[in-house]
Amino acid sequence: MGEIFFDEREDAEVLVVALTARGYGVSWTREGFAGEDDADDRAWVLRVEPFDDDVVALVDAHGGWLPRGGGSAAAPLELPDAPRRSKRG
C-alpha cells in the first residue's frame, strides 16, 4: 500500500474521487510531521491499494507528493566483493 501526501484537502479529495472511479482502494487521514504544533499544518495522507505507475502519474497531475521520492525502490548498488587496492609507484 502506497502513501500520497497533500497540503490541501481539496486536492486530496479530487484524487480520491479519481482513484475510486478507477477501482483503487483508498483511505485517507490527516497526519502531522515531527515538530509540527499547528493542527492546520498537518498533511492529508492517502493510502492507495494497489499502488502502481498509474497512481504515480495521477499524483503528479493533482499536486500531491510521495515520501522519499515515492514510487518503487531503486535497485541496490552493486558493491565489490573485496576492497580495491591502488597501485602506487
PDB file of N, CA and C in Angstrom:
ATOM      1  N   MET A   1       0.857  -1.173   0.000  1.00  0.00           N
ATOM      2  CA  MET A   1       0.000   0.000   0.000  1.00  0.00           C
ATOM      3  C   MET A   1       0.903   1.236   0.000  1.00  0.00           C
ATOM      4  N   GLY A   2       0.681   2.135  -0.938  1.00  0.00           N
ATOM      5  CA  GLY A   2       1.482   3.340  -1.038  1.00  0.00           C
ATOM      6  C   GLY A   2       0.799   4.528  -0.401  1.00  0.00           C
ATOM      7  N   GLU A   3       1.601   5.512  -0.016  1.00  0.00           N
ATOM      8  CA  GLU A   3       1.081   6.729   0.601  1.00  0.00           C
ATOM      9  C   GLU A   3       1.333   7.922  -0.294  1.00  0.00           C
ATOM     10  N   ILE A   4       0.355   8.823  -0.328  1.00  0.00           N
ATOM     11  CA  ILE A   4       0.433  10.067  -1.086  1.00  0.00           C
ATOM     12  C   ILE A   4       0.088  11.196  -0.130  1.00  0.00           C
ATOM     13  N   PHE A   5       0.871  12.275  -0.172  1.00  0.00           N
ATOM     14  CA  PHE A   5       0.669  13.397   0.738  1.00  0.00           C
ATOM     15  C   PHE A   5       0.155  14.618  -0.020  1.00  0.00           C
ATOM     16  N   PHE A   6      -0.736  15.366   0.637  1.00  0.00           N
ATOM     17  CA  PHE A   6      -1.279  16.606   0.095  1.00  0.00           C
ATOM     18  C   PHE A   6      -1.285  17.669   1.179  1.00  0.00           C
ATOM     19  N   ASP A   7      -1.040  18.898   0.773  1.00  0.00           N
ATOM     20  CA  ASP A   7      -1.161  20.016   1.697  1.00  0.00           C
ATOM     21  C   ASP A   7      -2.601  20.500   1.786  1.00  0.00           C
ATOM     22  N   GLU A   8      -3.338  20.382   0.681  1.00  0.00           N
ATOM     23  CA  GLU A   8      -4.715  20.901   0.623  1.00  0.00           C
ATOM     24  C   GLU A   8      -5.735  19.772   0.554  1.00  0.00           C
ATOM     25  N   ARG A   9      -6.779  19.889   1.361  1.00  0.00           N
ATOM     26  CA  ARG A   9      -7.832  18.875   1.385  1.00  0.00           C
ATOM     27  C   ARG A   9      -8.522  18.747   0.024  1.00  0.00           C
ATOM     28  N   GLU A  10      -8.774  19.873  -0.625  1.00  0.00           N
ATOM     29  CA  GLU A  10      -9.495  19.861  -1.899  1.00  0.00           C
ATOM     30  C   GLU A  10      -8.729  19.047  -2.956  1.00  0.00           C
ATOM     31  N   ASP A  11      -7.404  19.203  -2.986  1.00  0.00           N
ATOM     32  CA  ASP A  11      -6.601  18.436  -3.940  1.00  0.00           C
ATOM     33  C   ASP A  11      -6.675  16.947  -3.637  1.00  0.00           C
ATOM     34  N   ALA A  12      -6.638  16.606  -2.360  1.00  0.00           N
ATOM     35  CA  ALA A  12      -6.732  15.202  -1.956  1.00  0.00           C
ATOM     36  C   ALA A  12      -8.090  14.613  -2.335  1.00  0.00           C
ATOM     37  N   GLU A  13      -9.145  15.385  -2.129  1.00  0.00           N
ATOM     38  CA  GLU A  13     -10.491  14.902  -2.450  1.00  0.00           C
ATOM     39  C   GLU A  13     -10.640  14.591  -3.934  1.00  0.00           C
ATOM     40  N   VAL A  14     -10.087  15.444  -4.778  1.00  0.00           N
ATOM     41  CA  VAL A  14     -10.177  15.233  -6.223  1.00  0.00           C
ATOM     42  C   VAL A  14      -9.491  13.928  -6.606  1.00  0.00           C
ATOM     43  N   LEU A  15      -8.332  13.663  -6.027  1.00  0.00           N
ATOM     44  CA  LEU A  15      -7.627  12.424  -6.345  1.00  0.00           C
ATOM     45  C   LEU A  15      -8.353  11.213  -5.782  1.00  0.00           C
ATOM     46  N   VAL A  16      -8.947  11.328  -4.610  1.00  0.00           N
ATOM     47  CA  VAL A  16      -9.723  10.211  -4.044  1.00  0.00           C
ATOM     48  C   VAL A  16     -10.843   9.817  -5.001  1.00  0.00           C
ATOM     49  N   VAL A  17     -11.550  10.802  -5.519  1.00  0.00           N
ATOM     50  CA  VAL A  17     -12.645  10.530  -6.461  1.00  0.00           C
ATOM     51  C   VAL A  17     -12.104   9.863  -7.729  1.00  0.00           C
ATOM     52  N   ALA A  18     -10.999  10.392  -8.264  1.00  0.00           N
ATOM     53  CA  ALA A  18     -10.418   9.832  -9.487  1.00  0.00           C
ATOM     54  C   ALA A  18      -9.953   8.388  -9.278  1.00  0.00           C
ATOM     55  N   LEU A  19      -9.310   8.122  -8.154  1.00  0.00           N
ATOM     56  CA  LEU A  19      -8.804   6.771  -7.889  1.00  0.00           C
ATOM     57  C   LEU A  19      -9.926   5.772  -7.639  1.00  0.00           C
ATOM     58  N   THR A  20     -10.926   6.153  -6.867  1.00  0.00           N
ATOM     59  CA  THR A  20     -12.022   5.217  -6.591  1.00  0.00           C
ATOM     60  C   THR A  20     -12.826   4.932  -7.864  1.00  0.00           C
ATOM     61  N   ALA A  21     -12.935   5.921  -8.757  1.00  0.00           N
ATOM     62  CA  ALA A  21     -13.633   5.711 -10.030  1.00  0.00           C
ATOM     63  C   ALA A  21     -12.889   4.687 -10.892  1.00  0.00           C
ATOM     64  N   ARG A  22     -11.589   4.578 -10.704  1.00  0.00           N
ATOM     65  CA  ARG A  22     -10.773   3.617 -11.463  1.00  0.00           C
ATOM     66  C   ARG A  22     -10.632   2.282 -10.740  1.00  0.00           C
ATOM     67  N   GLY A  23     -11.275   2.129  -9.598  1.00  0.00           N
ATOM     68  CA  GLY A  23     -11.278   0.848  -8.902  1.00  0.00           C
ATOM     69  C   GLY A  23     -10.202   0.659  -7.845  1.00  0.00           C
ATOM     70  N   TYR A  24      -9.468   1.712  -7.516  1.00  0.00           N
ATOM     71  CA  TYR A  24      -8.449   1.616  -6.473  1.00  0.00           C
ATOM     72  C   TYR A  24      -9.102   1.709  -5.102  1.00  0.00           C
ATOM     73  N   GLY A  25      -8.512   1.031  -4.135  1.00  0.00           N
ATOM     74  CA  GLY A  25      -8.934   1.164  -2.752  1.00  0.00           C
ATOM     75  C   GLY A  25      -8.191   2.335  -2.128  1.00  0.00           C
ATOM     76  N   VAL A  26      -8.930   3.285  -1.543  1.00  0.00           N
ATOM     77  CA  VAL A  26      -8.308   4.484  -0.993  1.00  0.00           C
ATOM     78  C   VAL A  26      -8.860   4.761   0.398  1.00  0.00           C
ATOM     79  N   SER A  27      -7.946   5.038   1.336  1.00  0.00           N
ATOM     80  CA  SER A  27      -8.340   5.560   2.645  1.00  0.00           C
ATOM     81  C   SER A  27      -7.502   6.802   2.882  1.00  0.00           C
ATOM     82  N   TRP A  28      -8.015   7.731   3.704  1.00  0.00           N
ATOM     83  CA  TRP A  28      -7.233   8.946   3.939  1.00  0.00           C
ATOM     84  C   TRP A  28      -7.456   9.491   5.329  1.00  0.00           C
ATOM     85  N   THR A  29      -6.387  10.117   5.831  1.00  0.00           N
ATOM     86  CA  THR A  29      -6.383  10.702   7.169  1.00  0.00           C
ATOM     87  C   THR A  29      -5.520  11.953   7.146  1.00  0.00           C
ATOM     88  N   ARG A  30      -5.454  12.611   8.282  1.00  0.00           N
ATOM     89  CA  ARG A  30      -4.519  13.732   8.450  1.00  0.00           C
ATOM     90  C   ARG A  30      -3.446  13.314   9.416  1.00  0.00           C
ATOM     91  N   GLU A  31      -2.214  13.646   9.068  1.00  0.00           N
ATOM     92  CA  GLU A  31      -1.089  13.303   9.929  1.00  0.00           C
ATOM     93  C   GLU A  31      -0.143  14.478  10.043  1.00  0.00           C
ATOM     94  N   GLY A  32       0.356  14.680  11.235  1.00  0.00           N
ATOM     95  CA  GLY A  32       1.344  15.720  11.454  1.00  0.00           C
ATOM     96  C   GLY A  32       2.749  15.158  11.350  1.00  0.00           C
ATOM     97  N   PHE A  33       3.665  16.016  11.009  1.00  0.00           N
ATOM     98  CA  PHE A  33       5.065  15.628  10.939  1.00  0.00           C
ATOM     99  C   PHE A  33       5.738  15.986  12.252  1.00  0.00           C
ATOM    100  N   ALA A  34       6.848  15.372  12.516  1.00  0.00           N
ATOM    101  CA  ALA A  34       7.583  15.619  13.752  1.00  0.00           C
ATOM    102  C   ALA A  34       7.890  17.103  13.900  1.00  0.00           C
ATOM    103  N   GLY A  35       7.601  17.645  15.061  1.00  0.00           N
ATOM    104  CA  GLY A  35       7.903  19.041  15.342  1.00  0.00           C
ATOM    105  C   GLY A  35       6.816  20.026  14.964  1.00  0.00           C
ATOM    106  N   GLU A  36       5.735  19.567  14.343  1.00  0.00           N
ATOM    107  CA  GLU A  36       4.655  20.478  13.968  1.00  0.00           C
ATOM    108  C   GLU A  36       3.683  20.626  15.135  1.00  0.00           C
ATOM    109  N   ASP A  37       3.424  21.878  15.509  1.00  0.00           N
ATOM    110  CA  ASP A  37       2.495  22.140  16.602  1.00  0.00           C
ATOM    111  C   ASP A  37       1.118  22.551  16.105  1.00  0.00           C
ATOM    112  N   ASP A  38       1.058  23.137  14.928  1.00  0.00           N
ATOM    113  CA  ASP A  38      -0.185  23.672  14.391  1.00  0.00           C
ATOM    114  C   ASP A  38      -0.972  22.573  13.678  1.00  0.00           C
ATOM    115  N   ALA A  39      -2.186  22.308  14.143  1.00  0.00           N
ATOM    116  CA  ALA A  39      -3.020  21.267  13.549  1.00  0.00           C
ATOM    117  C   ALA A  39      -3.367  21.579  12.100  1.00  0.00           C
ATOM    118  N   ASP A  40      -3.391  22.859  11.723  1.00  0.00           N
ATOM    119  CA  ASP A  40      -3.710  23.231  10.351  1.00  0.00           C
ATOM    120  C   ASP A  40      -2.594  22.884   9.375  1.00  0.00           C
ATOM    121  N   ASP A  41      -1.398  22.632   9.876  1.00  0.00           N
ATOM    122  CA  ASP A  41      -0.266  22.302   9.012  1.00  0.00           C
ATOM    123  C   ASP A  41      -0.133  20.806   8.752  1.00  0.00           C
ATOM    124  N   ARG A  42      -1.015  20.017   9.321  1.00  0.00           N
ATOM    125  CA  ARG A  42      -0.929  18.579   9.103  1.00  0.00           C
ATOM    126  C   ARG A  42      -1.259  18.242   7.652  1.00  0.00           C
ATOM    127  N   ALA A  43      -0.580  17.237   7.121  1.00  0.00           N
ATOM    128  CA  ALA A  43      -0.783  16.820   5.731  1.00  0.00           C
ATOM    129  C   ALA A  43      -1.956  15.842   5.633  1.00  0.00           C
ATOM    130  N   TRP A  44      -2.584  15.852   4.475  1.00  0.00           N
ATOM    131  CA  TRP A  44      -3.589  14.845   4.150  1.00  0.00           C
ATOM    132  C   TRP A  44      -2.851  13.667   3.535  1.00  0.00           C
ATOM    133  N   VAL A  45      -3.078  12.476   4.070  1.00  0.00           N
ATOM    134  CA  VAL A  45      -2.373  11.286   3.605  1.00  0.00           C
ATOM    135  C   VAL A  45      -3.366  10.295   3.022  1.00  0.00           C
ATOM    136  N   LEU A  46      -3.158   9.946   1.754  1.00  0.00           N
ATOM    137  CA  LEU A  46      -3.974   8.940   1.089  1.00  0.00           C
ATOM    138  C   LEU A  46      -3.187   7.647   1.054  1.00  0.00           C
ATOM    139  N   ARG A  47      -3.846   6.555   1.390  1.00  0.00           N
ATOM    140  CA  ARG A  47      -3.237   5.227   1.284  1.00  0.00           C
ATOM    141  C   ARG A  47      -3.978   4.504   0.168  1.00  0.00           C
ATOM    142  N   VAL A  48      -3.217   4.067  -0.828  1.00  0.00           N
ATOM    143  CA  VAL A  48      -3.808   3.536  -2.055  1.00  0.00           C
ATOM    144  C   VAL A  48      -3.373   2.084  -2.255  1.00  0.00           C
ATOM    145  N   GLU A  49      -4.342   1.261  -2.648  1.00  0.00           N
ATOM    146  CA  GLU A  49      -4.089  -0.153  -2.921  1.00  0.00           C
ATOM    147  C   GLU A  49      -4.786  -0.524  -4.222  1.00  0.00           C
ATOM    148  N   PRO A  50      -4.178  -1.075  -5.219  1.00  0.00           N
ATOM    149  CA  PRO A  50      -2.745  -1.269  -5.371  1.00  0.00           C
ATOM    150  C   PRO A  50      -2.058   0.044  -5.751  1.00  0.00           C
ATOM    151  N   PHE A  51      -0.783   0.132  -5.470  1.00  0.00           N
ATOM    152  CA  PHE A  51      -0.001   1.332  -5.772  1.00  0.00           C
ATOM    153  C   PHE A  51       0.873   1.018  -6.982  1.00  0.00           C
ATOM    154  N   ASP A  52       0.574   1.666  -8.119  1.00  0.00           N
ATOM    155  CA  ASP A  52       1.313   1.359  -9.342  1.00  0.00           C
ATOM    156  C   ASP A  52       1.694   2.644 -10.083  1.00  0.00           C
ATOM    157  N   ASP A  53       2.250   2.494 -11.282  1.00  0.00           N
ATOM    158  CA  ASP A  53       2.712   3.649 -12.053  1.00  0.00           C
ATOM    159  C   ASP A  53       1.564   4.588 -12.446  1.00  0.00           C
ATOM    160  N   ASP A  54       0.362   4.054 -12.659  1.00  0.00           N
ATOM    161  CA  ASP A  54      -0.792   4.903 -12.978  1.00  0.00           C
ATOM    162  C   ASP A  54      -1.122   5.828 -11.812  1.00  0.00           C
ATOM    163  N   VAL A  55      -0.990   5.318 -10.592  1.00  0.00           N
ATOM    164  CA  VAL A  55      -1.238   6.140  -9.405  1.00  0.00           C
ATOM    165  C   VAL A  55      -0.202   7.256  -9.329  1.00  0.00           C
ATOM    166  N   VAL A  56       1.057   6.934  -9.576  1.00  0.00           N
ATOM    167  CA  VAL A  56       2.126   7.937  -9.534  1.00  0.00           C
ATOM    168  C   VAL A  56       1.848   9.043 -10.544  1.00  0.00           C
ATOM    169  N   ALA A  57       1.402   8.694 -11.745  1.00  0.00           N
ATOM    170  CA  ALA A  57       1.088   9.693 -12.765  1.00  0.00           C
ATOM    171  C   ALA A  57      -0.059  10.602 -12.306  1.00  0.00           C
ATOM    172  N   LEU A  58      -1.049  10.046 -11.647  1.00  0.00           N
ATOM    173  CA  LEU A  58      -2.167  10.850 -11.150  1.00  0.00           C
ATOM    174  C   LEU A  58      -1.734  11.774 -10.020  1.00  0.00           C
ATOM    175  N   VAL A  59      -0.819  11.316  -9.192  1.00  0.00           N
ATOM    176  CA  VAL A  59      -0.307  12.149  -8.105  1.00  0.00           C
ATOM    177  C   VAL A  59       0.335  13.401  -8.675  1.00  0.00           C
ATOM    178  N   ASP A  60       1.170  13.232  -9.681  1.00  0.00           N
ATOM    179  CA  ASP A  60       1.831  14.376 -10.310  1.00  0.00           C
ATOM    180  C   ASP A  60       0.813  15.356 -10.887  1.00  0.00           C
ATOM    181  N   ALA A  61      -0.248  14.839 -11.469  1.00  0.00           N
ATOM    182  CA  ALA A  61      -1.256  15.692 -12.100  1.00  0.00           C
ATOM    183  C   ALA A  61      -2.146  16.418 -11.098  1.00  0.00           C
ATOM    184  N   HIS A  62      -2.210  15.919  -9.853  1.00  0.00           N
ATOM    185  CA  HIS A  62      -3.125  16.502  -8.864  1.00  0.00           C
ATOM    186  C   HIS A  62      -2.426  17.247  -7.731  1.00  0.00           C
ATOM    187  N   GLY A  63      -1.132  17.447  -7.825  1.00  0.00           N
ATOM    188  CA  GLY A  63      -0.440  18.271  -6.840  1.00  0.00           C
ATOM    189  C   GLY A  63      -0.057  17.585  -5.549  1.00  0.00           C
ATOM    190  N   GLY A  64      -0.042  16.275  -5.542  1.00  0.00           N
ATOM    191  CA  GLY A  64       0.386  15.553  -4.352  1.00  0.00           C
ATOM    192  C   GLY A  64       1.874  15.286  -4.399  1.00  0.00           C
ATOM    193  N   TRP A  65       2.384  14.681  -3.343  1.00  0.00           N
ATOM    194  CA  TRP A  65       3.794  14.316  -3.317  1.00  0.00           C
ATOM    195  C   TRP A  65       3.961  12.995  -2.598  1.00  0.00           C
ATOM    196  N   LEU A  66       5.025  12.296  -2.974  1.00  0.00           N
ATOM    197  CA  LEU A  66       5.312  10.983  -2.428  1.00  0.00           C
ATOM    198  C   LEU A  66       6.474  11.081  -1.457  1.00  0.00           C
ATOM    199  N   PRO A  67       6.439  10.326  -0.374  1.00  0.00           N
ATOM    200  CA  PRO A  67       7.559  10.371   0.568  1.00  0.00           C
ATOM    201  C   PRO A  67       8.822   9.776  -0.044  1.00  0.00           C
ATOM    202  N   ARG A  68       9.966  10.404   0.251  1.00  0.00           N
ATOM    203  CA  ARG A  68      11.278   9.911  -0.187  1.00  0.00           C
ATOM    204  C   ARG A  68      11.334   9.588  -1.657  1.00  0.00           C
ATOM    205  N   GLY A  69      10.796  10.421  -2.479  1.00  0.00           N
ATOM    206  CA  GLY A  69      10.857  10.189  -3.919  1.00  0.00           C
ATOM    207  C   GLY A  69       9.757   9.285  -4.428  1.00  0.00           C
ATOM    208  N   GLY A  70       9.113   8.545  -3.560  1.00  0.00           N
ATOM    209  CA  GLY A  70       7.972   7.720  -3.902  1.00  0.00           C
ATOM    210  C   GLY A  70       8.251   6.646  -4.947  1.00  0.00           C
ATOM    211  N   GLY A  71       7.208   6.053  -5.434  1.00  0.00           N
ATOM    212  CA  GLY A  71       7.334   5.020  -6.441  1.00  0.00           C
ATOM    213  C   GLY A  71       8.033   3.793  -5.898  1.00  0.00           C
ATOM    214  N   SER A  72       8.558   3.015  -6.796  1.00  0.00           N
ATOM    215  CA  SER A  72       9.235   1.800  -6.358  1.00  0.00           C
ATOM    216  C   SER A  72      10.657   2.113  -5.907  1.00  0.00           C
ATOM    217  N   ALA A  73      11.171   1.265  -5.070  1.00  0.00           N
ATOM    218  CA  ALA A  73      12.521   1.470  -4.546  1.00  0.00           C
ATOM    219  C   ALA A  73      13.548   1.244  -5.649  1.00  0.00           C
ATOM    220  N   ALA A  74      14.619   2.003  -5.592  1.00  0.00           N
ATOM    221  CA  ALA A  74      15.684   1.861  -6.570  1.00  0.00           C
ATOM    222  C   ALA A  74      16.422   0.543  -6.351  1.00  0.00           C
ATOM    223  N   ALA A  75      16.978   0.011  -7.428  1.00  0.00           N
ATOM    224  CA  ALA A  75      17.746  -1.229  -7.323  1.00  0.00           C
ATOM    225  C   ALA A  75      18.991  -0.975  -6.477  1.00  0.00           C
ATOM    226  N   PRO A  76      19.379  -1.931  -5.651  1.00  0.00           N
ATOM    227  CA  PRO A  76      20.567  -1.729  -4.821  1.00  0.00           C
ATOM    228  C   PRO A  76      21.824  -1.614  -5.679  1.00  0.00           C
ATOM    229  N   LEU A  77      22.781  -0.873  -5.190  1.00  0.00           N
ATOM    230  CA  LEU A  77      24.041  -0.706  -5.893  1.00  0.00           C
ATOM    231  C   LEU A  77      24.845  -1.997  -5.859  1.00  0.00           C
ATOM    232  N   GLU A  78      25.599  -2.234  -6.930  1.00  0.00           N
ATOM    233  CA  GLU A  78      26.483  -3.387  -6.952  1.00  0.00           C
ATOM    234  C   GLU A  78      27.799  -2.977  -6.297  1.00  0.00           C
ATOM    235  N   LEU A  79      28.143  -3.642  -5.222  1.00  0.00           N
ATOM    236  CA  LEU A  79      29.354  -3.331  -4.483  1.00  0.00           C
ATOM    237  C   LEU A  79      30.405  -4.402  -4.742  1.00  0.00           C
ATOM    238  N   PRO A  80      31.675  -4.042  -4.672  1.00  0.00           N
ATOM    239  CA  PRO A  80      32.727  -5.046  -4.874  1.00  0.00           C
ATOM    240  C   PRO A  80      32.734  -6.048  -3.731  1.00  0.00           C
ATOM    241  N   ASP A  81      33.251  -7.238  -4.032  1.00  0.00           N
ATOM    242  CA  ASP A  81      33.330  -8.306  -3.017  1.00  0.00           C
ATOM    243  C   ASP A  81      34.456  -8.077  -2.017  1.00  0.00           C
ATOM    244  N   ALA A  82      35.475  -7.355  -2.442  1.00  0.00           N
ATOM    245  CA  ALA A  82      36.644  -7.116  -1.582  1.00  0.00           C
ATOM    246  C   ALA A  82      37.137  -5.698  -1.815  1.00  0.00           C
ATOM    247  N   PRO A  83      37.960  -5.188  -0.891  1.00  0.00           N
ATOM    248  CA  PRO A  83      38.493  -3.840  -1.083  1.00  0.00           C
ATOM    249  C   PRO A  83      39.360  -3.772  -2.343  1.00  0.00           C
ATOM    250  N   ARG A  84      39.346  -2.622  -2.968  1.00  0.00           N
ATOM    251  CA  ARG A  84      40.204  -2.418  -4.134  1.00  0.00           C
ATOM    252  C   ARG A  84      41.544  -1.869  -3.681  1.00  0.00           C
ATOM    253  N   ARG A  85      42.580  -2.343  -4.314  1.00  0.00           N
ATOM    254  CA  ARG A  85      43.925  -1.880  -3.983  1.00  0.00           C
ATOM    255  C   ARG A  85      44.399  -0.989  -5.107  1.00  0.00           C
ATOM    256  N   SER A  86      44.993   0.110  -4.734  1.00  0.00           N
ATOM    257  CA  SER A  86      45.522   1.010  -5.748  1.00  0.00           C
ATOM    258  C   SER A  86      47.011   0.733  -5.937  1.00  0.00           C
ATOM    259  N   LYS A  87      47.476   0.948  -7.143  1.00  0.00           N
ATOM    260  CA  LYS A  87      48.909   0.759  -7.457  1.00  0.00           C
ATOM    261  C   LYS A  87      49.590   2.121  -7.324  1.00  0.00           C
ATOM    262  N   ARG A  88      50.486   2.209  -6.428  1.00  0.00           N
ATOM    263  CA  ARG A  88      51.241   3.455  -6.248  1.00  0.00           C
ATOM    264  C   ARG A  88      52.708   3.164  -6.501  1.00  0.00           C
ATOM    265  N   GLY A  89      53.330   4.048  -7.227  1.00  0.00           N
ATOM    266  CA  GLY A  89      54.711   3.830  -7.624  1.00  0.00           C
ATOM    267  C   GLY A  89      55.713   4.291  -6.695  1.00  0.00           C
TER     268      GLY A  89
END
